[in-house]
Every structure is written in structure tokens, then in C-alpha cells.
Amino acid sequence: MAKSGGKEKILKCRKTTEKRGKMEYQSLIFEVRRRYKEFRPSEQKAADIILREEPGVVDWTIEEFAQAAGVSRPTVIRFARALGLKGYRELKNRVLEEYARKKEKTDPGEILAYPLQREDRIVDIPAKVIMTNIKHLEEALKALSVYEFVRAVNVLDKAENISVYAVENSACAAEDFAAKMAYIGKRVYFNKDGYMQKVNAGHLTGRDVALGISHTGQSRHTVDALRRARESGAATIAITNCQQALINKYADIILCTENTQYMYGNAVFSRCAQISLIDMLYLGVFLKNYDHYAGELNNSWQNIQDLVYPGDK
């Protein structure tokens, strides 16, 4: 489908792109990922074409785009309008701008893709880690349901007690969540011992919330604790990587990060998306009652001043 005019169009469009200030420009790829969950299933097929960054798309007619996506022409137009664009022509112009910007700089994401190779250089590791984390976060934004996120914020804000269940790698996110919520006066329970997590789950009530964090969604201790919490009447939230994970069977609210697997399945980069999601929940709860939680945070800060060495005067 690609024609020879693609490169010339990108070069021409680069001049248009340069006229926009950096603060004014909004990446089309980022916007499609951010809005992905809002699209209809048919529109998501059109979005997938953009996210795959098909090299020939800049030369495609609307019929060729629709055929590649497996959708109708009206669906392509609806997809463009869902992005706030007038139609297919403007969508293609935005794609041209995106490609033009990428031509201006080397894309380390393509050069430094995981998994780690035996011949890789140690000096490349910092860039590898940063670029992989960026990709991980972009995928998390694409997978996250804003509707489910708002529901999670609302139940956490109203919860009398919050219990967090997680083991191994996900325990880092659990500890971070417990600490943040404690600072704003929320009653939060977290114990790394899987047995004690299940004991705690058996004592929850309808006034409590249980949060289970598991990248695979298959960790026995976490799944069993969340299941027991639901049986006790608590509202349950799951943070996991996949919509089909076992833990979601026992969750009233599901917050998915993504479906990409990294290095031996999950261990290295799952924390990045989990910690970001924890920050989102913390800020969301804070915003529900800003003045109250700001006062609680200030009170917590005053209570630990004797543990902080004074700075140089």
C-alpha cells in the first residue's frame, strides 16, 4: 500500500511541525494510548493501526486504512472525530507530524529494546531501563479504565479501614500505598506475611476496603486474601497486569496496567506501573477532600520533625 511519496510528505510536514512550540504539541501516539479505553471496540481496531506505527499509513487512502484495520470507512471517521479531529485527512496530517518529529531524533526505544542480550554493553543499561519504563507507563495508561479508577478513588475515600495484600515484588507498591495513606490519616493495614494477610481478610466488614496487588494476578496468597476479604463483605480492588487474571474474579473494581511481559515474565518492571497507579490513587483520594487531607498531611509532617536533622543555616 505504501507509495514513494511518503518520505517527501514527511519532510514537508517537518517544517509545519517545527512551527509548533514544544509545550503546544501533543503526541498523537500518546493521545491514542490515553484515550484507548474510551473508544468503541471497532474504533480500537483503527487505534491499533496508529499504535503499530505502520510505515505506509501516510500514503493510505481512507479505504486502505479501513481495510488494514478491518473496519468500515465511517468507523475510521468516527475514530478521527473521537480524537477531536475533523476527519481522515486531519488524522493523516497528525500522523505525518508524528513521523516528522520522530525523524528529527534517534528513537532509543527501537535501539534499546528488551529483553537484555548477552552482547549488550553495561553503559547502555541506564537508557535501556528508562526507555523500558517509559514504554511500560504508556501501556499502563492505555490499559487503565478511567471509570474503574474513579470508582476506586471513591471507595478508598469512604473506607473506614483499608487492607492491602501483596507479596514479593508487588510488596514494594503495597508498602508505598500504606505509607502514603497513613500520612493523610487513613487507617491502612499491610503485613508482608501471606498468612497474616488472610487472617486480616477474615475480620473485614462492609465498611472496609481490600486492595490486592499482583502483577500476574495468580499469586496464591494475594488471590486467597482478596477472596476472603470479599466473602467478609469488604469492597475489593485488584491491581494487576491482565484483564483475565484470576485475582479479578474476586475484585469489585479492576485496575489493569498492561499485557506486556518483560524479562522472565514480570519481576523487573512491574513495579514501575504499580507505583504510578498507587500515586494516582493517593492523589485521587487527596483531591476528594483536599482541605481535610492537607491538614492531616501537615499534622503528620509536624509529628516527625524530631526525626529529621535540621539543615545548614
C-alpha atoms as a PDB file:
ATOM      1  CA  MET A   1       0.000   0.000   0.000  1.00  0.00           C
ATOM      2  CA  ALA A   2       2.936   2.359   0.640  1.00  0.00           C
ATOM      3  CA  LYS A   3       3.964   4.744  -2.127  1.00  0.00           C
ATOM      4  CA  SER A   4       7.227   6.599  -2.752  1.00  0.00           C
ATOM      5  CA  GLY A   5       5.752   9.950  -1.774  1.00  0.00           C
ATOM      6  CA  GLY A   6       5.826   9.127   1.945  1.00  0.00           C
ATOM      7  CA  LYS A   7       9.334  10.480   2.618  1.00  0.00           C
ATOM      8  CA  GLU A   8       8.656  13.710   0.751  1.00  0.00           C
ATOM      9  CA  LYS A   9       5.456  14.241   2.700  1.00  0.00           C
ATOM     10  CA  ILE A  10       7.271  13.713   5.998  1.00  0.00           C
ATOM     11  CA  LEU A  11       9.977  16.222   5.054  1.00  0.00           C
ATOM     12  CA  LYS A  12       7.343  18.773   4.042  1.00  0.00           C
ATOM     13  CA  CYS A  13       5.377  18.197   7.226  1.00  0.00           C
ATOM     14  CA  ARG A  14       8.503  18.607   9.360  1.00  0.00           C
ATOM     15  CA  LYS A  15       8.530  22.321   8.582  1.00  0.00           C
ATOM     16  CA  THR A  16       4.954  22.606   9.833  1.00  0.00           C
ATOM     17  CA  THR A  17       5.831  20.711  12.977  1.00  0.00           C
ATOM     18  CA  GLU A  18       8.789  22.992  13.746  1.00  0.00           C
ATOM     19  CA  LYS A  19       6.433  25.965  13.897  1.00  0.00           C
ATOM     20  CA  ARG A  20       4.673  24.499  16.911  1.00  0.00           C
ATOM     21  CA  GLY A  21       6.185  25.123  20.308  1.00  0.00           C
ATOM     22  CA  LYS A  22       7.173  22.099  22.351  1.00  0.00           C
ATOM     23  CA  MET A  23       4.591  22.914  25.008  1.00  0.00           C
ATOM     24  CA  GLU A  24       1.866  23.193  22.384  1.00  0.00           C
ATOM     25  CA  TYR A  25       2.455  19.866  20.684  1.00  0.00           C
ATOM     26  CA  GLN A  26       0.544  16.803  21.873  1.00  0.00           C
ATOM     27  CA  SER A  27       1.815  13.433  20.663  1.00  0.00           C
ATOM     28  CA  LEU A  28      -0.816  11.593  18.653  1.00  0.00           C
ATOM     29  CA  ILE A  29       0.529   8.226  19.848  1.00  0.00           C
ATOM     30  CA  PHE A  30       0.284   9.358  23.467  1.00  0.00           C
ATOM     31  CA  GLU A  31      -3.243  10.686  22.959  1.00  0.00           C
ATOM     32  CA  VAL A  32      -4.435   7.463  21.315  1.00  0.00           C
ATOM     33  CA  ARG A  33      -2.955   5.401  24.153  1.00  0.00           C
ATOM     34  CA  ARG A  34      -4.509   7.698  26.771  1.00  0.00           C
ATOM     35  CA  ARG A  35      -7.954   7.523  25.183  1.00  0.00           C
ATOM     36  CA  TYR A  36      -7.820   3.873  24.089  1.00  0.00           C
ATOM     37  CA  LYS A  37     -10.295   2.558  26.679  1.00  0.00           C
ATOM     38  CA  GLU A  38     -12.824   5.227  25.689  1.00  0.00           C
ATOM     39  CA  PHE A  39     -13.022   4.051  22.069  1.00  0.00           C
ATOM     40  CA  ARG A  40     -15.592   1.590  20.813  1.00  0.00           C
ATOM     41  CA  PRO A  41     -14.209  -1.902  20.018  1.00  0.00           C
ATOM     42  CA  SER A  42     -14.325  -1.116  16.274  1.00  0.00           C
ATOM     43  CA  GLU A  43     -12.555   2.211  16.860  1.00  0.00           C
ATOM     44  CA  GLN A  44      -9.880   0.414  18.883  1.00  0.00           C
ATOM     45  CA  LYS A  45      -9.034  -1.543  15.722  1.00  0.00           C
ATOM     46  CA  ALA A  46      -8.371   1.758  13.984  1.00  0.00           C
ATOM     47  CA  ALA A  47      -6.372   2.916  17.007  1.00  0.00           C
ATOM     48  CA  ASP A  48      -4.234  -0.228  16.768  1.00  0.00           C
ATOM     49  CA  ILE A  49      -3.113   0.834  13.280  1.00  0.00           C
ATOM     50  CA  ILE A  50      -1.861   4.142  14.693  1.00  0.00           C
ATOM     51  CA  LEU A  51      -0.169   2.474  17.655  1.00  0.00           C
ATOM     52  CA  ARG A  52       1.610  -0.047  15.404  1.00  0.00           C
ATOM     53  CA  GLU A  53       3.008   2.944  13.510  1.00  0.00           C
ATOM     54  CA  GLU A  54       2.551   1.339  10.104  1.00  0.00           C
ATOM     55  CA  PRO A  55       5.163   2.966   7.818  1.00  0.00           C
ATOM     56  CA  GLY A  56       2.867   3.205   4.793  1.00  0.00           C
ATOM     57  CA  VAL A  57      -0.108   4.781   6.532  1.00  0.00           C
ATOM     58  CA  VAL A  58       0.911   8.295   5.433  1.00  0.00           C
ATOM     59  CA  ASP A  59       0.080   7.302   1.849  1.00  0.00           C
ATOM     60  CA  TRP A  60      -3.054   5.273   2.508  1.00  0.00           C
ATOM     61  CA  THR A  61      -6.469   6.340   1.328  1.00  0.00           C
ATOM     62  CA  ILE A  62      -9.292   6.036   3.817  1.00  0.00           C
ATOM     63  CA  GLU A  63     -10.350   2.814   2.068  1.00  0.00           C
ATOM     64  CA  GLU A  64      -6.863   1.338   2.527  1.00  0.00           C
ATOM     65  CA  PHE A  65      -6.772   2.373   6.188  1.00  0.00           C
ATOM     66  CA  ALA A  66     -10.198   0.838   6.820  1.00  0.00           C
ATOM     67  CA  GLN A  67      -9.170  -2.370   5.050  1.00  0.00           C
ATOM     68  CA  ALA A  68      -5.949  -2.671   7.085  1.00  0.00           C
ATOM     69  CA  ALA A  69      -7.890  -2.144  10.324  1.00  0.00           C
ATOM     70  CA  GLY A  70     -10.720  -4.457   9.325  1.00  0.00           C
ATOM     71  CA  VAL A  71     -13.372  -1.777   9.818  1.00  0.00           C
ATOM     72  CA  SER A  72     -15.654   0.396   7.707  1.00  0.00           C
ATOM     73  CA  ARG A  73     -14.925   3.896   6.386  1.00  0.00           C
ATOM     74  CA  PRO A  74     -17.472   5.505   8.760  1.00  0.00           C
ATOM     75  CA  THR A  75     -15.655   3.843  11.674  1.00  0.00           C
ATOM     76  CA  VAL A  76     -12.367   5.451  10.626  1.00  0.00           C
ATOM     77  CA  ILE A  77     -14.089   8.838  10.508  1.00  0.00           C
ATOM     78  CA  ARG A  78     -15.695   8.262  13.927  1.00  0.00           C
ATOM     79  CA  PHE A  79     -12.289   7.328  15.321  1.00  0.00           C
ATOM     80  CA  ALA A  80     -10.772  10.549  13.974  1.00  0.00           C
ATOM     81  CA  ARG A  81     -13.588  12.622  15.429  1.00  0.00           C
ATOM     82  CA  ALA A  82     -13.281  10.846  18.771  1.00  0.00           C
ATOM     83  CA  LEU A  83      -9.750  12.293  18.850  1.00  0.00           C
ATOM     84  CA  GLY A  84     -11.155  15.762  18.249  1.00  0.00           C
ATOM     85  CA  LEU A  85     -10.175  15.814  14.570  1.00  0.00           C
ATOM     86  CA  LYS A  86     -12.409  16.821  11.670  1.00  0.00           C
ATOM     87  CA  GLY A  87     -11.892  13.647   9.653  1.00  0.00           C
ATOM     88  CA  TYR A  88      -9.475  11.282   7.985  1.00  0.00           C
ATOM     89  CA  ARG A  89      -7.445  13.988   6.233  1.00  0.00           C
ATOM     90  CA  GLU A  90      -6.643  15.703   9.523  1.00  0.00           C
ATOM     91  CA  LEU A  91      -5.869  12.336  11.125  1.00  0.00           C
ATOM     92  CA  LYS A  92      -3.347  11.585   8.382  1.00  0.00           C
ATOM     93  CA  ASN A  93      -1.793  15.036   8.810  1.00  0.00           C
ATOM     94  CA  ARG A  94      -1.323  14.307  12.506  1.00  0.00           C
ATOM     95  CA  VAL A  95       0.345  11.006  11.620  1.00  0.00           C
ATOM     96  CA  LEU A  96       2.662  12.898   9.252  1.00  0.00           C
ATOM     97  CA  GLU A  97       3.565  15.320  12.035  1.00  0.00           C
ATOM     98  CA  GLU A  98       4.267  12.429  14.395  1.00  0.00           C
ATOM     99  CA  TYR A  99       6.597  10.758  11.911  1.00  0.00           C
ATOM    100  CA  ALA A 100       8.312  14.056  11.132  1.00  0.00           C
ATOM    101  CA  ARG A 101       9.103  14.617  14.786  1.00  0.00           C
ATOM    102  CA  LYS A 102      10.493  11.123  15.145  1.00  0.00           C
ATOM    103  CA  LYS A 103      12.762  11.644  12.143  1.00  0.00           C
ATOM    104  CA  GLU A 104      14.350  14.579  13.942  1.00  0.00           C
ATOM    105  CA  LYS A 105      15.780  12.402  16.674  1.00  0.00           C
ATOM    106  CA  THR A 106      17.028   8.866  17.132  1.00  0.00           C
ATOM    107  CA  ASP A 107      14.478   6.676  18.815  1.00  0.00           C
ATOM    108  CA  PRO A 108      16.349   4.829  21.592  1.00  0.00           C
ATOM    109  CA  GLY A 109      13.272   2.710  22.161  1.00  0.00           C
ATOM    110  CA  GLU A 110      13.951   0.904  18.888  1.00  0.00           C
ATOM    111  CA  ILE A 111      17.694   0.535  19.517  1.00  0.00           C
ATOM    112  CA  LEU A 112      17.473  -0.399  23.172  1.00  0.00           C
ATOM    113  CA  ALA A 113      14.555  -2.793  23.205  1.00  0.00           C
ATOM    114  CA  TYR A 114      14.332  -5.592  25.767  1.00  0.00           C
ATOM    115  CA  PRO A 115      14.984  -8.396  26.537  1.00  0.00           C
ATOM    116  CA  LEU A 116      18.569  -7.941  27.681  1.00  0.00           C
ATOM    117  CA  GLN A 117      21.086  -9.522  25.314  1.00  0.00           C
ATOM    118  CA  ARG A 118      24.404 -11.156  26.186  1.00  0.00           C
ATOM    119  CA  GLU A 119      26.296  -8.777  23.907  1.00  0.00           C
ATOM    120  CA  ASP A 120      24.762  -5.608  25.411  1.00  0.00           C
ATOM    121  CA  ARG A 121      27.073  -3.016  26.943  1.00  0.00           C
ATOM    122  CA  ILE A 122      26.817  -2.018  30.593  1.00  0.00           C
ATOM    123  CA  VAL A 123      26.907   1.672  29.627  1.00  0.00           C
ATOM    124  CA  ASP A 124      23.624   1.185  27.715  1.00  0.00           C
ATOM    125  CA  ILE A 125      21.715  -0.124  30.734  1.00  0.00           C
ATOM    126  CA  PRO A 126      20.564   3.286  32.109  1.00  0.00           C
ATOM    127  CA  ALA A 127      18.976   4.182  28.776  1.00  0.00           C
ATOM    128  CA  LYS A 128      17.504   0.691  28.452  1.00  0.00           C
ATOM    129  CA  VAL A 129      15.851   0.874  31.838  1.00  0.00           C
ATOM    130  CA  ILE A 130      14.459   4.381  31.337  1.00  0.00           C
ATOM    131  CA  MET A 131      13.095   3.634  27.857  1.00  0.00           C
ATOM    132  CA  THR A 132      11.511   0.374  29.009  1.00  0.00           C
ATOM    133  CA  ASN A 133       9.880   2.124  31.947  1.00  0.00           C
ATOM    134  CA  ILE A 134       8.523   4.804  29.617  1.00  0.00           C
ATOM    135  CA  LYS A 135       7.025   2.153  27.362  1.00  0.00           C
ATOM    136  CA  HIS A 136       5.622   0.335  30.396  1.00  0.00           C
ATOM    137  CA  LEU A 137       3.927   3.509  31.645  1.00  0.00           C
ATOM    138  CA  GLU A 138       2.499   4.340  28.223  1.00  0.00           C
ATOM    139  CA  GLU A 139       0.973   0.868  28.026  1.00  0.00           C
ATOM    140  CA  ALA A 140      -0.407   1.254  31.547  1.00  0.00           C
ATOM    141  CA  LEU A 141      -2.118   4.498  30.581  1.00  0.00           C
ATOM    142  CA  LYS A 142      -3.608   2.777  27.558  1.00  0.00           C
ATOM    143  CA  ALA A 143      -4.920  -0.134  29.643  1.00  0.00           C
ATOM    144  CA  LEU A 144      -6.273   1.836  32.604  1.00  0.00           C
ATOM    145  CA  SER A 145     -10.030   2.363  32.752  1.00  0.00           C
ATOM    146  CA  VAL A 146     -10.755   5.892  33.986  1.00  0.00           C
ATOM    147  CA  TYR A 147     -14.210   4.736  35.086  1.00  0.00           C
ATOM    148  CA  GLU A 148     -12.743   1.994  37.290  1.00  0.00           C
ATOM    149  CA  PHE A 149     -10.118   4.400  38.616  1.00  0.00           C
ATOM    150  CA  VAL A 150     -12.757   6.905  39.749  1.00  0.00           C
ATOM    151  CA  ARG A 151     -14.725   4.099  41.422  1.00  0.00           C
ATOM    152  CA  ALA A 152     -11.579   3.004  43.271  1.00  0.00           C
ATOM    153  CA  VAL A 153     -10.882   6.548  44.490  1.00  0.00           C
ATOM    154  CA  ASN A 154     -14.442   6.904  45.774  1.00  0.00           C
ATOM    155  CA  VAL A 155     -14.458   3.677  47.797  1.00  0.00           C
ATOM    156  CA  LEU A 156     -10.984   4.332  49.230  1.00  0.00           C
ATOM    157  CA  ASP A 157     -12.032   7.802  50.329  1.00  0.00           C
ATOM    158  CA  LYS A 158     -15.083   6.433  52.186  1.00  0.00           C
ATOM    159  CA  ALA A 159     -13.347   3.357  53.652  1.00  0.00           C
ATOM    160  CA  GLU A 160     -13.188   3.024  57.419  1.00  0.00           C
ATOM    161  CA  ASN A 161     -10.197   0.706  57.115  1.00  0.00           C
ATOM    162  CA  ILE A 162      -8.060  -0.278  54.125  1.00  0.00           C
ATOM    163  CA  SER A 163      -6.183  -3.578  53.922  1.00  0.00           C
ATOM    164  CA  VAL A 164      -3.516  -4.209  51.314  1.00  0.00           C
ATOM    165  CA  TYR A 165      -2.469  -7.672  50.151  1.00  0.00           C
ATOM    166  CA  ALA A 166       0.685  -8.331  48.127  1.00  0.00           C
ATOM    167  CA  VAL A 167       3.807 -10.498  48.174  1.00  0.00           C
ATOM    168  CA  GLU A 168       7.317 -10.414  46.743  1.00  0.00           C
ATOM    169  CA  ASN A 169       7.806  -7.771  44.047  1.00  0.00           C
ATOM    170  CA  SER A 170       4.356  -6.229  44.476  1.00  0.00           C
ATOM    171  CA  ALA A 171       5.015  -5.689  48.185  1.00  0.00           C
ATOM    172  CA  CYS A 172       7.012  -2.564  47.237  1.00  0.00           C
ATOM    173  CA  ALA A 173       3.884  -0.939  45.824  1.00  0.00           C
ATOM    174  CA  ALA A 174       1.834  -2.138  48.803  1.00  0.00           C
ATOM    175  CA  GLU A 175       4.230  -0.554  51.299  1.00  0.00           C
ATOM    176  CA  ASP A 176       4.249   2.687  49.324  1.00  0.00           C
ATOM    177  CA  PHE A 177       0.445   2.785  49.284  1.00  0.00           C
ATOM    178  CA  ALA A 178       0.198   2.072  53.020  1.00  0.00           C
ATOM    179  CA  ALA A 179       2.708   4.818  53.848  1.00  0.00           C
ATOM    180  CA  LYS A 180       1.044   7.452  51.650  1.00  0.00           C
ATOM    181  CA  MET A 181      -2.412   6.743  53.005  1.00  0.00           C
ATOM    182  CA  ALA A 182      -1.163   6.730  56.608  1.00  0.00           C
ATOM    183  CA  TYR A 183       0.256  10.226  56.108  1.00  0.00           C
ATOM    184  CA  ILE A 184      -3.211  11.577  55.277  1.00  0.00           C
ATOM    185  CA  GLY A 185      -4.850   9.855  58.230  1.00  0.00           C
ATOM    186  CA  LYS A 186      -6.307   6.745  56.585  1.00  0.00           C
ATOM    187  CA  ARG A 187      -6.238   3.522  58.598  1.00  0.00           C
ATOM    188  CA  VAL A 188      -4.234   1.097  56.499  1.00  0.00           C
ATOM    189  CA  TYR A 189      -3.100  -2.472  57.199  1.00  0.00           C
ATOM    190  CA  PHE A 190      -0.255  -4.211  55.390  1.00  0.00           C
ATOM    191  CA  ASN A 191       1.749  -7.208  56.541  1.00  0.00           C
ATOM    192  CA  LYS A 192       4.220  -8.975  54.261  1.00  0.00           C
ATOM    193  CA  ASP A 193       3.292 -12.334  55.776  1.00  0.00           C
ATOM    194  CA  GLY A 194       0.807 -14.053  53.484  1.00  0.00           C
ATOM    195  CA  TYR A 195      -0.775 -15.998  56.345  1.00  0.00           C
ATOM    196  CA  MET A 196      -1.451 -12.818  58.337  1.00  0.00           C
ATOM    197  CA  GLN A 197      -2.966 -11.187  55.255  1.00  0.00           C
ATOM    198  CA  LYS A 198      -5.569 -13.927  55.075  1.00  0.00           C
ATOM    199  CA  VAL A 199      -6.226 -13.690  58.832  1.00  0.00           C
ATOM    200  CA  ASN A 200      -6.805  -9.943  58.435  1.00  0.00           C
ATOM    201  CA  ALA A 201      -9.142 -10.520  55.480  1.00  0.00           C
ATOM    202  CA  GLY A 202     -11.417 -12.682  57.627  1.00  0.00           C
ATOM    203  CA  HIS A 203     -12.086  -9.774  60.010  1.00  0.00           C
ATOM    204  CA  LEU A 204     -13.101  -7.118  57.482  1.00  0.00           C
ATOM    205  CA  THR A 205     -16.621  -5.714  57.205  1.00  0.00           C
ATOM    206  CA  GLY A 206     -18.748  -3.856  54.696  1.00  0.00           C
ATOM    207  CA  ARG A 207     -17.198  -0.590  55.884  1.00  0.00           C
ATOM    208  CA  ASP A 208     -13.721  -1.687  54.785  1.00  0.00           C
ATOM    209  CA  VAL A 209     -11.808  -1.923  51.510  1.00  0.00           C
ATOM    210  CA  ALA A 210      -9.294  -4.583  50.493  1.00  0.00           C
ATOM    211  CA  LEU A 211      -6.686  -3.884  47.808  1.00  0.00           C
ATOM    212  CA  GLY A 212      -4.861  -6.809  46.200  1.00  0.00           C
ATOM    213  CA  ILE A 213      -1.730  -6.103  44.132  1.00  0.00           C
ATOM    214  CA  SER A 214      -0.376  -8.862  41.896  1.00  0.00           C
ATOM    215  CA  HIS A 215       1.296  -8.390  38.516  1.00  0.00           C
ATOM    216  CA  THR A 216       0.463 -11.895  37.341  1.00  0.00           C
ATOM    217  CA  GLY A 217      -2.840 -11.983  39.199  1.00  0.00           C
ATOM    218  CA  GLN A 218      -2.029 -15.569  40.133  1.00  0.00           C
ATOM    219  CA  SER A 219      -0.109 -15.201  43.434  1.00  0.00           C
ATOM    220  CA  ARG A 220      -1.822 -17.646  45.793  1.00  0.00           C
ATOM    221  CA  HIS A 221      -1.505 -15.595  48.998  1.00  0.00           C
ATOM    222  CA  THR A 222      -2.809 -12.411  47.370  1.00  0.00           C
ATOM    223  CA  VAL A 223      -5.660 -14.067  45.479  1.00  0.00           C
ATOM    224  CA  ASP A 224      -6.811 -16.044  48.526  1.00  0.00           C
ATOM    225  CA  ALA A 225      -6.669 -12.996  50.805  1.00  0.00           C
ATOM    226  CA  LEU A 226      -8.717 -10.868  48.405  1.00  0.00           C
ATOM    227  CA  ARG A 227     -11.235 -13.674  48.001  1.00  0.00           C
ATOM    228  CA  ARG A 228     -11.591 -13.982  51.781  1.00  0.00           C
ATOM    229  CA  ALA A 229     -11.973 -10.189  52.100  1.00  0.00           C
ATOM    230  CA  ARG A 230     -14.830 -10.228  49.608  1.00  0.00           C
ATOM    231  CA  GLU A 231     -16.507 -13.073  51.467  1.00  0.00           C
ATOM    232  CA  SER A 232     -16.274 -10.931  54.621  1.00  0.00           C
ATOM    233  CA  GLY A 233     -18.224  -8.159  52.875  1.00  0.00           C
ATOM    234  CA  ALA A 234     -15.417  -5.709  52.119  1.00  0.00           C
ATOM    235  CA  ALA A 235     -15.231  -3.837  48.818  1.00  0.00           C
ATOM    236  CA  THR A 236     -12.347  -5.292  46.814  1.00  0.00           C
ATOM    237  CA  ILE A 237      -9.912  -3.708  44.352  1.00  0.00           C
ATOM    238  CA  ALA A 238      -7.350  -5.540  42.230  1.00  0.00           C
ATOM    239  CA  ILE A 239      -4.258  -4.031  40.631  1.00  0.00           C
ATOM    240  CA  THR A 240      -2.917  -6.490  38.093  1.00  0.00           C
ATOM    241  CA  ASN A 241      -1.428  -6.775  34.641  1.00  0.00           C
ATOM    242  CA  CYS A 242      -4.162  -8.595  32.787  1.00  0.00           C
ATOM    243  CA  GLN A 243      -7.937  -8.319  32.459  1.00  0.00           C
ATOM    244  CA  GLN A 244      -8.229 -12.115  32.530  1.00  0.00           C
ATOM    245  CA  ALA A 245      -6.123 -12.610  35.694  1.00  0.00           C
ATOM    246  CA  LEU A 246      -7.512 -14.949  38.363  1.00  0.00           C
ATOM    247  CA  ILE A 247      -7.476 -12.239  41.050  1.00  0.00           C
ATOM    248  CA  ASN A 248     -10.033 -10.217  39.074  1.00  0.00           C
ATOM    249  CA  LYS A 249     -12.616 -12.911  39.770  1.00  0.00           C
ATOM    250  CA  TYR A 250     -12.746 -11.635  43.351  1.00  0.00           C
ATOM    251  CA  ALA A 251     -12.451  -7.902  42.645  1.00  0.00           C
ATOM    252  CA  ASP A 252     -15.325  -5.416  42.551  1.00  0.00           C
ATOM    253  CA  ILE A 253     -13.005  -2.912  40.861  1.00  0.00           C
ATOM    254  CA  ILE A 254     -10.219  -3.872  38.446  1.00  0.00           C
ATOM    255  CA  LEU A 255      -7.247  -1.639  37.643  1.00  0.00           C
ATOM    256  CA  CYS A 256      -5.127  -3.159  34.876  1.00  0.00           C
ATOM    257  CA  THR A 257      -1.651  -1.971  33.972  1.00  0.00           C
ATOM    258  CA  GLU A 258      -0.897  -3.730  30.679  1.00  0.00           C
ATOM    259  CA  ASN A 259      -0.395  -7.071  28.971  1.00  0.00           C
ATOM    260  CA  THR A 260       3.300  -6.912  28.071  1.00  0.00           C
ATOM    261  CA  GLN A 261       5.696  -9.368  29.657  1.00  0.00           C
ATOM    262  CA  TYR A 262       9.307  -8.393  30.414  1.00  0.00           C
ATOM    263  CA  MET A 263      12.365 -10.499  31.288  1.00  0.00           C
ATOM    264  CA  TYR A 264      11.293 -13.756  32.939  1.00  0.00           C
ATOM    265  CA  GLY A 265       7.651 -12.802  32.940  1.00  0.00           C
ATOM    266  CA  ASN A 266       7.180  -9.918  35.305  1.00  0.00           C
ATOM    267  CA  ALA A 267       9.767  -9.275  38.003  1.00  0.00           C
ATOM    268  CA  VAL A 268      11.810  -6.373  36.669  1.00  0.00           C
ATOM    269  CA  PHE A 269       9.412  -3.679  35.521  1.00  0.00           C
ATOM    270  CA  SER A 270       6.029  -4.410  37.083  1.00  0.00           C
ATOM    271  CA  ARG A 271       6.760  -2.033  39.986  1.00  0.00           C
ATOM    272  CA  CYS A 272       7.010   0.975  37.681  1.00  0.00           C
ATOM    273  CA  ALA A 273       3.364   0.845  36.593  1.00  0.00           C
ATOM    274  CA  GLN A 274       2.173  -0.300  40.017  1.00  0.00           C
ATOM    275  CA  ILE A 275       3.860   2.578  41.851  1.00  0.00           C
ATOM    276  CA  SER A 276       2.454   5.070  39.329  1.00  0.00           C
ATOM    277  CA  LEU A 277      -1.028   3.662  39.860  1.00  0.00           C
ATOM    278  CA  ILE A 278      -0.542   3.946  43.630  1.00  0.00           C
ATOM    279  CA  ASP A 279       0.354   7.620  43.154  1.00  0.00           C
ATOM    280  CA  MET A 280      -2.804   8.119  41.082  1.00  0.00           C
ATOM    281  CA  LEU A 281      -4.982   6.591  43.805  1.00  0.00           C
ATOM    282  CA  TYR A 282      -3.290   8.637  46.531  1.00  0.00           C
ATOM    283  CA  LEU A 283      -3.734  11.912  44.654  1.00  0.00           C
ATOM    284  CA  GLY A 284      -7.289  10.989  43.704  1.00  0.00           C
ATOM    285  CA  VAL A 285      -8.251  10.384  47.333  1.00  0.00           C
ATOM    286  CA  PHE A 286      -6.443  13.567  48.380  1.00  0.00           C
ATOM    287  CA  LEU A 287      -8.435  15.586  45.865  1.00  0.00           C
ATOM    288  CA  LYS A 288     -11.763  14.207  47.129  1.00  0.00           C
ATOM    289  CA  ASN A 289     -11.381  16.249  50.330  1.00  0.00           C
ATOM    290  CA  TYR A 290      -8.386  18.472  49.706  1.00  0.00           C
ATOM    291  CA  ASP A 291      -8.561  20.696  52.805  1.00  0.00           C
ATOM    292  CA  HIS A 292      -9.113  17.797  55.205  1.00  0.00           C
ATOM    293  CA  TYR A 293      -6.322  15.628  53.826  1.00  0.00           C
ATOM    294  CA  ALA A 294      -3.954  18.608  53.537  1.00  0.00           C
ATOM    295  CA  GLY A 295      -4.499  19.210  57.261  1.00  0.00           C
ATOM    296  CA  GLU A 296      -3.828  15.546  58.050  1.00  0.00           C
ATOM    297  CA  LEU A 297      -0.668  15.582  55.944  1.00  0.00           C
ATOM    298  CA  ASN A 298       0.582  18.713  57.680  1.00  0.00           C
ATOM    299  CA  ASN A 299      -0.142  17.137  61.060  1.00  0.00           C
ATOM    300  CA  SER A 300       1.826  14.011  60.101  1.00  0.00           C
ATOM    301  CA  TRP A 301       4.725  16.160  58.948  1.00  0.00           C
ATOM    302  CA  GLN A 302       4.778  18.028  62.278  1.00  0.00           C
ATOM    303  CA  ASN A 303       4.764  14.737  64.187  1.00  0.00           C
ATOM    304  CA  ILE A 304       8.017  13.557  62.583  1.00  0.00           C
ATOM    305  CA  GLN A 305      10.037  16.763  62.770  1.00  0.00           C
ATOM    306  CA  ASP A 306      12.049  15.424  65.698  1.00  0.00           C
ATOM    307  CA  LEU A 307      13.244  12.609  63.398  1.00  0.00           C
ATOM    308  CA  VAL A 308      14.676  14.989  60.819  1.00  0.00           C
ATOM    309  CA  TYR A 309      18.098  16.576  61.223  1.00  0.00           C
ATOM    310  CA  PRO A 310      17.957  20.342  60.728  1.00  0.00           C
ATOM    311  CA  GLY A 311      19.573  21.690  57.565  1.00  0.00           C
ATOM    312  CA  ASP A 312      22.553  24.034  57.479  1.00  0.00           C
ATOM    313  CA  LYS A 313      21.709  27.612  58.361  1.00  0.00           C
END
